[in-house]
C-alpha atoms as a PDB file:
ATOM      1  CA  MET A   1       0.397  -0.122  -0.242  1.00  0.00           C
ATOM      2  CA  ARG A   2       1.195   3.525  -0.375  1.00  0.00           C
ATOM      3  CA  LYS A   3       2.193   6.084   1.585  1.00  0.00           C
ATOM      4  CA  ILE A   4       1.011   9.623   0.413  1.00  0.00           C
ATOM      5  CA  CYS A   5       3.906  12.031   1.198  1.00  0.00           C
ATOM      6  CA  VAL A   6       5.749  15.369  -0.341  1.00  0.00           C
ATOM      7  CA  SER A   7       8.932  16.001  -0.363  1.00  0.00           C
ATOM      8  CA  LEU A   8       9.477  18.678   2.091  1.00  0.00           C
ATOM      9  CA  ALA A   9      12.853  20.206   0.292  1.00  0.00           C
ATOM     10  CA  LEU A  10      11.172  20.690  -2.702  1.00  0.00           C
ATOM     11  CA  LEU A  11       8.465  21.875  -0.930  1.00  0.00           C
ATOM     12  CA  ALA A  12      10.548  23.878   0.836  1.00  0.00           C
ATOM     13  CA  LEU A  13      12.460  25.388  -2.527  1.00  0.00           C
ATOM     14  CA  ILE A  14       9.810  25.981  -4.208  1.00  0.00           C
ATOM     15  CA  VAL A  15       8.138  28.310  -1.787  1.00  0.00           C
ATOM     16  CA  VAL A  16      11.356  29.781  -1.299  1.00  0.00           C
ATOM     17  CA  LEU A  17      12.100  31.320  -4.272  1.00  0.00           C
ATOM     18  CA  SER A  18       8.543  31.987  -5.614  1.00  0.00           C
ATOM     19  CA  HIS A  19       8.495  34.542  -2.394  1.00  0.00           C
ATOM     20  CA  SER A  20      12.033  35.616  -3.753  1.00  0.00           C
ATOM     21  CA  SER A  21      11.093  36.552  -7.366  1.00  0.00           C
ATOM     22  CA  ALA A  22       9.585  39.404  -8.793  1.00  0.00           C
ATOM     23  CA  GLN A  23       7.662  37.678 -10.783  1.00  0.00           C
ATOM     24  CA  GLN A  24       5.568  35.356  -8.224  1.00  0.00           C
ATOM     25  CA  PRO A  25       4.334  31.632 -10.063  1.00  0.00           C
ATOM     26  CA  ASP A  26       0.368  31.064 -10.575  1.00  0.00           C
ATOM     27  CA  PRO A  27      -0.325  29.012  -7.304  1.00  0.00           C
ATOM     28  CA  ALA A  28      -2.740  26.523  -8.844  1.00  0.00           C
ATOM     29  CA  ALA A  29      -0.267  26.587 -11.480  1.00  0.00           C
ATOM     30  CA  MET A  30       2.679  25.343  -8.854  1.00  0.00           C
ATOM     31  CA  PHE A  31       1.384  22.784  -6.800  1.00  0.00           C
ATOM     32  CA  LYS A  32       0.214  21.158  -9.844  1.00  0.00           C
ATOM     33  CA  THR A  33       3.193  20.225 -11.370  1.00  0.00           C
ATOM     34  CA  PHE A  34       4.898  19.812  -8.307  1.00  0.00           C
ATOM     35  CA  ARG A  35       2.609  16.661  -7.703  1.00  0.00           C
ATOM     36  CA  ALA A  36       2.957  15.722 -11.662  1.00  0.00           C
ATOM     37  CA  VAL A  37       6.968  15.632 -10.433  1.00  0.00           C
ATOM     38  CA  GLN A  38       5.662  13.857  -7.029  1.00  0.00           C
ATOM     39  CA  ARG A  39       4.051  11.303  -9.234  1.00  0.00           C
ATOM     40  CA  VAL A  40       7.217  10.864 -12.174  1.00  0.00           C
ATOM     41  CA  VAL A  41       9.880  10.870  -8.859  1.00  0.00           C
ATOM     42  CA  GLY A  42       8.319   8.532  -5.695  1.00  0.00           C
ATOM     43  CA  ASP A  43       8.720   6.002  -7.182  1.00  0.00           C
ATOM     44  CA  ASN A  44      12.053   6.232  -8.170  1.00  0.00           C
ATOM     45  CA  PRO A  45      14.143   2.619  -7.493  1.00  0.00           C
ATOM     46  CA  GLY A  46      17.360   5.307  -6.736  1.00  0.00           C
ATOM     47  CA  PHE A  47      15.445   7.392  -4.500  1.00  0.00           C
ATOM     48  CA  LEU A  48      14.588   4.563  -3.004  1.00  0.00           C
ATOM     49  CA  ALA A  49      17.571   3.342  -2.340  1.00  0.00           C
ATOM     50  CA  VAL A  50      18.988   6.160   0.345  1.00  0.00           C
ATOM     51  CA  ASN A  51      16.081   5.030   2.231  1.00  0.00           C
ATOM     52  CA  PRO A  52      16.865   3.852   5.680  1.00  0.00           C
ATOM     53  CA  GLY A  53      13.960   1.414   6.060  1.00  0.00           C
ATOM     54  CA  VAL A  54      14.289   0.392   1.930  1.00  0.00           C
ATOM     55  CA  GLN A  55      18.385  -0.171   2.692  1.00  0.00           C
ATOM     56  CA  LYS A  56      17.294  -2.989   5.918  1.00  0.00           C
ATOM     57  CA  GLU A  57      14.418  -4.872   3.724  1.00  0.00           C
ATOM     58  CA  LEU A  58      17.303  -4.836   0.719  1.00  0.00           C
ATOM     59  CA  LYS A  59      19.828  -6.431   3.224  1.00  0.00           C
ATOM     60  CA  LEU A  60      22.218  -4.044   2.226  1.00  0.00           C
ATOM     61  CA  ASP A  61      25.865  -4.154   4.219  1.00  0.00           C
ATOM     62  CA  GLU A  62      27.545  -1.228   5.651  1.00  0.00           C
ATOM     63  CA  ASP A  63      29.896  -0.537   2.540  1.00  0.00           C
ATOM     64  CA  GLN A  64      26.686  -0.941   0.281  1.00  0.00           C
ATOM     65  CA  ILE A  65      25.269   1.640   2.291  1.00  0.00           C
ATOM     66  CA  LYS A  66      27.603   4.157   2.571  1.00  0.00           C
ATOM     67  CA  THR A  67      28.486   4.117  -0.854  1.00  0.00           C
ATOM     68  CA  VAL A  68      24.922   5.234  -2.008  1.00  0.00           C
ATOM     69  CA  ARG A  69      25.047   7.692   0.414  1.00  0.00           C
ATOM     70  CA  GLU A  70      27.873   9.265  -1.251  1.00  0.00           C
ATOM     71  CA  LYS A  71      26.552   8.482  -4.770  1.00  0.00           C
ATOM     72  CA  VAL A  72      22.851   9.384  -4.768  1.00  0.00           C
ATOM     73  CA  PRO A  73      21.556  12.717  -3.951  1.00  0.00           C
ATOM     74  CA  ALA A  74      18.280  12.887  -2.204  1.00  0.00           C
ATOM     75  CA  GLY A  75      15.075  13.312  -4.368  1.00  0.00           C
ATOM     76  CA  LEU A  76      16.208  15.321  -7.579  1.00  0.00           C
ATOM     77  CA  GLY A  77      19.119  17.406  -5.682  1.00  0.00           C
ATOM     78  CA  PHE A  78      16.365  19.462  -3.934  1.00  0.00           C
ATOM     79  CA  GLY A  79      17.615  17.781  -0.126  1.00  0.00           C
ATOM     80  CA  GLY A  80      21.369  19.273  -0.126  1.00  0.00           C
ATOM     81  CA  PHE A  81      19.764  23.218   0.277  1.00  0.00           C
ATOM     82  CA  GLY A  82      20.279  22.749   3.832  1.00  0.00           C
ATOM     83  CA  PHE A  83      16.598  23.410   4.491  1.00  0.00           C
ATOM     84  CA  GLY A  84      15.251  23.199   8.223  1.00  0.00           C
ATOM     85  CA  LYS A  85      18.395  23.598   9.430  1.00  0.00           C
ATOM     86  CA  GLY A  86      18.228  27.596  10.657  1.00  0.00           C
ATOM     87  CA  LYS A  87      21.003  27.848   8.204  1.00  0.00           C
ATOM     88  CA  ASP A  88      20.835  30.662   5.522  1.00  0.00           C
ATOM     89  CA  LEU A  89      21.404  29.377   1.323  1.00  0.00           C
ATOM     90  CA  THR A  90      25.108  29.538   0.633  1.00  0.00           C
ATOM     91  CA  ASP A  91      25.262  32.114  -2.770  1.00  0.00           C
ATOM     92  CA  GLU A  92      26.403  28.759  -4.708  1.00  0.00           C
ATOM     93  CA  GLN A  93      23.593  27.586  -2.568  1.00  0.00           C
ATOM     94  CA  LYS A  94      21.516  30.023  -4.173  1.00  0.00           C
ATOM     95  CA  GLU A  95      22.515  29.625  -7.827  1.00  0.00           C
ATOM     96  CA  LYS A  96      22.082  26.109  -7.908  1.00  0.00           C
ATOM     97  CA  ALA A  97      18.257  26.661  -6.313  1.00  0.00           C
ATOM     98  CA  ALA A  98      17.461  29.205  -8.792  1.00  0.00           C
ATOM     99  CA  LYS A  99      18.453  27.344 -11.926  1.00  0.00           C
ATOM    100  CA  MET A 100      16.544  24.611 -10.619  1.00  0.00           C
ATOM    101  CA  MET A 101      13.984  26.959 -10.123  1.00  0.00           C
ATOM    102  CA  GLU A 102      14.195  27.885 -13.493  1.00  0.00           C
ATOM    103  CA  ARG A 103      14.052  24.403 -15.058  1.00  0.00           C
ATOM    104  CA  PHE A 104      10.386  24.150 -12.223  1.00  0.00           C
ATOM    105  CA  GLN A 105       8.686  27.103 -13.397  1.00  0.00           C
ATOM    106  CA  SER A 106       9.360  25.869 -17.803  1.00  0.00           C
ATOM    107  CA  LEU A 107       6.745  23.170 -16.745  1.00  0.00           C
ATOM    108  CA  MET A 108       3.771  25.182 -15.891  1.00  0.00           C
ATOM    109  CA  GLU A 109       2.346  26.227 -18.955  1.00  0.00           C
ATOM    110  CA  THR A 110       2.997  22.836 -20.220  1.00  0.00           C
ATOM    111  CA  PRO A 111      -0.329  20.371 -21.136  1.00  0.00           C
ATOM    112  CA  GLU A 112      -1.357  18.031 -18.599  1.00  0.00           C
ATOM    113  CA  ASP A 113      -1.433  15.475 -20.404  1.00  0.00           C
ATOM    114  CA  LYS A 114       2.159  15.899 -21.891  1.00  0.00           C
ATOM    115  CA  LEU A 115       3.085  17.193 -17.971  1.00  0.00           C
ATOM    116  CA  GLU A 116       4.987  13.770 -17.136  1.00  0.00           C
ATOM    117  CA  ASP A 117       6.693  13.083 -20.708  1.00  0.00           C
ATOM    118  CA  LYS A 118       8.259  16.414 -19.823  1.00  0.00           C
ATOM    119  CA  ILE A 119       9.400  16.216 -16.786  1.00  0.00           C
ATOM    120  CA  ARG A 120      11.635  12.948 -17.476  1.00  0.00           C
ATOM    121  CA  GLU A 121      12.612  15.392 -20.223  1.00  0.00           C
ATOM    122  CA  VAL A 122      13.944  18.384 -18.067  1.00  0.00           C
ATOM    123  CA  PHE A 123      14.581  15.876 -15.122  1.00  0.00           C
ATOM    124  CA  LYS A 124      16.037  13.236 -17.070  1.00  0.00           C
ATOM    125  CA  ASP A 125      19.982  12.891 -15.732  1.00  0.00           C
ATOM    126  CA  GLU A 126      18.421  13.967 -11.915  1.00  0.00           C
ATOM    127  CA  ILE A 127      15.889  10.644 -12.490  1.00  0.00           C
ATOM    128  CA  GLU A 128      17.834   8.506 -14.522  1.00  0.00           C
ATOM    129  CA  GLY A 129      21.407   8.940 -12.895  1.00  0.00           C
ATOM    130  CA  PRO A 130      20.367   7.711  -9.233  1.00  0.00           C
ATOM    131  CA  ASN A 131      19.725   4.563 -11.329  1.00  0.00           C
ATOM    132  CA  LYS A 132      22.661   4.163 -12.702  1.00  0.00           C
ATOM    133  CA  GLU A 133      24.539   4.698  -9.751  1.00  0.00           C
ATOM    134  CA  VAL A 134      22.075   2.137  -7.699  1.00  0.00           C
ATOM    135  CA  GLU A 135      22.366  -0.481 -10.294  1.00  0.00           C
ATOM    136  CA  LYS A 136      26.080  -0.601 -10.003  1.00  0.00           C
ATOM    137  CA  ILE A 137      26.194  -0.754  -6.036  1.00  0.00           C
ATOM    138  CA  LEU A 138      23.650  -3.705  -5.557  1.00  0.00           C
ATOM    139  CA  LYS A 139      23.477  -7.038  -6.222  1.00  0.00           C
ATOM    140  CA  PRO A 140      20.634  -8.939  -8.951  1.00  0.00           C
ATOM    141  CA  GLU A 141      18.663 -10.253  -6.412  1.00  0.00           C
ATOM    142  CA  GLN A 142      18.573  -6.678  -4.338  1.00  0.00           C
ATOM    143  CA  MET A 143      17.878  -4.924  -7.648  1.00  0.00           C
ATOM    144  CA  THR A 144      15.315  -6.937  -8.238  1.00  0.00           C
ATOM    145  CA  ARG A 145      13.440  -6.318  -5.043  1.00  0.00           C
ATOM    146  CA  LEU A 146      14.087  -2.775  -5.320  1.00  0.00           C
ATOM    147  CA  LYS A 147      12.351  -2.287  -8.789  1.00  0.00           C
ATOM    148  CA  GLN A 148       9.145  -4.670  -6.758  1.00  0.00           C
ATOM    149  CA  ILE A 149       9.045  -2.194  -3.714  1.00  0.00           C
ATOM    150  CA  SER A 150       9.426   0.882  -7.126  1.00  0.00           C
ATOM    151  CA  ARG A 151       6.216  -0.243  -8.633  1.00  0.00           C
ATOM    152  CA  GLN A 152       4.020  -0.731  -5.097  1.00  0.00           C
ATOM    153  CA  GLN A 153       4.866   3.123  -4.716  1.00  0.00           C
ATOM    154  CA  GLY A 154       2.684   4.203  -7.486  1.00  0.00           C
ATOM    155  CA  GLY A 155      -0.961   3.524  -6.682  1.00  0.00           C
ATOM    156  CA  PRO A 156      -2.940   2.434 -10.323  1.00  0.00           C
ATOM    157  CA  ALA A 157      -0.784   5.407 -11.836  1.00  0.00           C
ATOM    158  CA  ALA A 158       2.217   2.593 -11.371  1.00  0.00           C
ATOM    159  CA  TYR A 159       0.592   0.218 -14.298  1.00  0.00           C
ATOM    160  CA  LEU A 160       1.372   2.950 -16.739  1.00  0.00           C
ATOM    161  CA  LYS A 161       4.700   3.090 -16.447  1.00  0.00           C
ATOM    162  CA  PRO A 162       6.375   2.396 -19.612  1.00  0.00           C
ATOM    163  CA  ASP A 163       7.888  -1.082 -19.069  1.00  0.00           C
ATOM    164  CA  ASN A 164       4.988  -1.911 -17.035  1.00  0.00           C
ATOM    165  CA  VAL A 165       2.499  -1.387 -20.152  1.00  0.00           C
ATOM    166  CA  LYS A 166       5.822  -3.279 -22.149  1.00  0.00           C
ATOM    167  CA  ASP A 167       5.310  -6.767 -18.911  1.00  0.00           C
ATOM    168  CA  LEU A 168       1.453  -6.593 -18.434  1.00  0.00           C
ATOM    169  CA  GLU A 169       1.021  -6.461 -22.004  1.00  0.00           C
ATOM    170  CA  LEU A 170      -1.669  -3.711 -21.310  1.00  0.00           C
ATOM    171  CA  LYS A 171      -4.343  -2.519 -24.238  1.00  0.00           C
ATOM    172  CA  ASP A 172      -5.349   0.670 -25.613  1.00  0.00           C
ATOM    173  CA  GLU A 173      -8.662   0.191 -23.888  1.00  0.00           C
ATOM    174  CA  GLN A 174      -7.346  -0.830 -20.280  1.00  0.00           C
ATOM    175  CA  LYS A 175      -4.913   2.310 -20.516  1.00  0.00           C
ATOM    176  CA  THR A 176      -7.201   4.195 -21.019  1.00  0.00           C
ATOM    177  CA  LYS A 177      -9.505   3.270 -18.265  1.00  0.00           C
ATOM    178  CA  ILE A 178      -6.927   3.313 -15.780  1.00  0.00           C
ATOM    179  CA  LYS A 179      -5.703   6.788 -16.521  1.00  0.00           C
ATOM    180  CA  GLU A 180      -9.004   7.555 -16.358  1.00  0.00           C
ATOM    181  CA  ILE A 181      -9.154   6.155 -12.404  1.00  0.00           C
ATOM    182  CA  ALA A 182      -5.537   7.605 -11.720  1.00  0.00           C
ATOM    183  CA  THR A 183      -6.628  11.156 -12.764  1.00  0.00           C
ATOM    184  CA  GLU A 184      -9.584  11.056 -10.834  1.00  0.00           C
ATOM    185  CA  LEU A 185      -7.572  10.115  -7.982  1.00  0.00           C
ATOM    186  CA  ASP A 186      -5.443  12.940  -8.357  1.00  0.00           C
ATOM    187  CA  LYS A 187      -7.902  14.946  -8.474  1.00  0.00           C
ATOM    188  CA  ASP A 188      -9.766  13.610  -5.445  1.00  0.00           C
ATOM    189  CA  LEU A 189      -6.103  13.767  -3.634  1.00  0.00           C
ATOM    190  CA  ALA A 190      -6.029  17.441  -4.862  1.00  0.00           C
ATOM    191  CA  GLU A 191      -9.310  18.134  -2.814  1.00  0.00           C
ATOM    192  CA  LEU A 192      -8.368  16.821   0.485  1.00  0.00           C
ATOM    193  CA  ARG A 193      -5.005  18.845   0.585  1.00  0.00           C
ATOM    194  CA  GLY A 194      -6.885  22.133  -0.088  1.00  0.00           C
ATOM    195  CA  GLY A 195      -6.453  22.393  -3.533  1.00  0.00           C
ATOM    196  CA  GLY A 196      -2.961  23.092  -3.357  1.00  0.00           C
ATOM    197  CA  GLY A 197      -3.431  26.480  -3.239  1.00  0.00           C
ATOM    198  CA  GLY A 198      -0.547  27.092  -0.573  1.00  0.00           C
ATOM    199  CA  MET A 199       1.391  25.605   2.433  1.00  0.00           C
ATOM    200  CA  GLY A 200      -1.709  24.614   4.260  1.00  0.00           C
ATOM    201  CA  GLY A 201      -2.783  22.237   1.067  1.00  0.00           C
ATOM    202  CA  PHE A 202      -0.016  20.070   1.854  1.00  0.00           C
ATOM    203  CA  ARG A 203      -0.039  20.139   5.871  1.00  0.00           C
ATOM    204  CA  ILE A 204      -2.018  17.316   6.725  1.00  0.00           C
ATOM    205  CA  SER A 205      -3.853  16.007   9.629  1.00  0.00           C
ATOM    206  CA  PRO A 206      -4.310  12.274  10.509  1.00  0.00           C
ATOM    207  CA  GLU A 207      -7.387  12.370   9.724  1.00  0.00           C
ATOM    208  CA  THR A 208      -7.219  13.658   6.115  1.00  0.00           C
ATOM    209  CA  ARG A 209      -4.138  10.875   5.478  1.00  0.00           C
ATOM    210  CA  GLU A 210      -6.889   8.355   6.085  1.00  0.00           C
ATOM    211  CA  LYS A 211      -8.888   9.381   4.012  1.00  0.00           C
ATOM    212  CA  MET A 212      -6.229   9.642   0.995  1.00  0.00           C
ATOM    213  CA  THR A 213      -4.969   6.156   2.308  1.00  0.00           C
ATOM    214  CA  THR A 214      -8.603   5.366   1.725  1.00  0.00           C
ATOM    215  CA  LEU A 215      -8.661   6.779  -1.578  1.00  0.00           C
ATOM    216  CA  THR A 216      -5.638   5.510  -3.195  1.00  0.00           C
ATOM    217  CA  LYS A 217      -6.429   2.131  -2.169  1.00  0.00           C
ATOM    218  CA  GLU A 218     -10.249   2.117  -3.841  1.00  0.00           C
ATOM    219  CA  ALA A 219      -8.516   3.049  -6.747  1.00  0.00           C
ATOM    220  CA  SER A 220      -5.806   0.278  -7.087  1.00  0.00           C
ATOM    221  CA  GLU A 221      -8.428  -1.893  -6.617  1.00  0.00           C
ATOM    222  CA  LYS A 222     -10.828  -0.900  -9.593  1.00  0.00           C
ATOM    223  CA  ALA A 223      -7.845  -0.102 -12.023  1.00  0.00           C
ATOM    224  CA  ALA A 224      -6.351  -3.916 -11.200  1.00  0.00           C
ATOM    225  CA  ALA A 225     -10.054  -4.727 -11.696  1.00  0.00           C
ATOM    226  CA  VAL A 226      -9.527  -3.297 -15.427  1.00  0.00           C
ATOM    227  CA  LEU A 227      -6.497  -6.199 -15.192  1.00  0.00           C
ATOM    228  CA  THR A 228      -7.390  -9.854 -16.712  1.00  0.00           C
ATOM    229  CA  ASP A 229      -5.843 -12.917 -14.744  1.00  0.00           C
ATOM    230  CA  ALA A 230      -3.199 -14.025 -16.176  1.00  0.00           C
ATOM    231  CA  GLN A 231      -1.792  -9.483 -16.640  1.00  0.00           C
ATOM    232  CA  LYS A 232      -3.370  -9.871 -12.648  1.00  0.00           C
ATOM    233  CA  SER A 233      -0.856 -13.184 -11.861  1.00  0.00           C
ATOM    234  CA  LYS A 234       1.935 -11.009 -13.190  1.00  0.00           C
ATOM    235  CA  TRP A 235       1.479  -7.976 -11.662  1.00  0.00           C
ATOM    236  CA  LYS A 236       1.324  -9.815  -8.445  1.00  0.00           C
ATOM    237  CA  GLU A 237       4.920 -11.807  -9.629  1.00  0.00           C
ATOM    238  CA  LEU A 238       5.869  -8.003 -10.789  1.00  0.00           C
ATOM    239  CA  VAL A 239       5.437  -6.465  -6.979  1.00  0.00           C
ATOM    240  CA  GLY A 240       6.796  -9.139  -4.779  1.00  0.00           C
ATOM    241  CA  GLU A 241       5.619  -9.133  -1.283  1.00  0.00           C
ATOM    242  CA  PRO A 242       3.692  -5.794   0.287  1.00  0.00           C
ATOM    243  CA  TYR A 243       6.243  -3.492   2.006  1.00  0.00           C
ATOM    244  CA  THR A 244       5.106  -0.197   3.572  1.00  0.00           C
ATOM    245  CA  VAL A 245       7.970   2.636   2.872  1.00  0.00           C
ATOM    246  CA  GLN A 246       8.109   5.328   5.738  1.00  0.00           C
ATOM    247  CA  PHE A 247       8.735   8.288   4.490  1.00  0.00           C
ATOM    248  CA  GLY A 248       9.957  11.681   6.709  1.00  0.00           C
ATOM    249  CA  GLY A 249      12.085  14.506   6.033  1.00  0.00           C
ATOM    250  CA  PHE A 250      14.370  15.331   3.253  1.00  0.00           C
ATOM    251  CA  ARG A 251      16.130  12.241   3.716  1.00  0.00           C
ATOM    252  CA  PRO A 252      14.418   8.977   5.783  1.00  0.00           C
ATOM    253  CA  LYS A 253      15.264   9.336   9.284  1.00  0.00           C
ATOM    254  CA  LYS A 254      17.256   5.546  10.739  1.00  0.00           C
ATOM    255  CA  ASP A 255      14.845   3.194  11.603  1.00  0.00           C
ATOM    256  CA  ASN A 256      14.831   2.388  16.008  1.00  0.00           C
END
């Protein structure tokens, strides 16, 4: 079951730079784009490999963990700006952050049906780089399990990932139905967040989080019902045993 979360480092960067910009972006467009970025990177195997809980599930040894920390940046490289530490950004960090924000803003006028493809294009190196590094570090069986965990994070939209579409041999009609389910879920979650019109939309109460979890579960069940029995069997193989990823902060905290 997917645990719904947001990248606090990315959100902090967006808010800080948008308020300091002479031409502030439209909040609705900004948070629509932010949610799309989250969909693209939220199940990225390279980023998940940084999570201590996932590392434990994969049975990484100390050398592997150390190498992952050295080689794999926190989501899209936004985790290195020092937010939440009570420190001002250095000039170098501000310059890097501004360039990242320019790339983010370039996405805001992209039509919604093309937005995720555009994100993969604009942040191609940041998305693919961590995966390539992790493949060098993990053993084949660890990489297989990491990809299984990755697929579990996507909710109903996970079926529409290019590799999953190919593996499941989804028909156009199936893809259309699943896309409708995923789009409706995204709208429902946005309403629960408060429409994404400001910071308040990302301060999620336990009650709201529970509703979001329920909606995601229901949508995932609807999407699964679109599959044939053979596809359901294949998907069970692709996702493996259920695992819940625990997220927190800019880099997940170590397990107790």
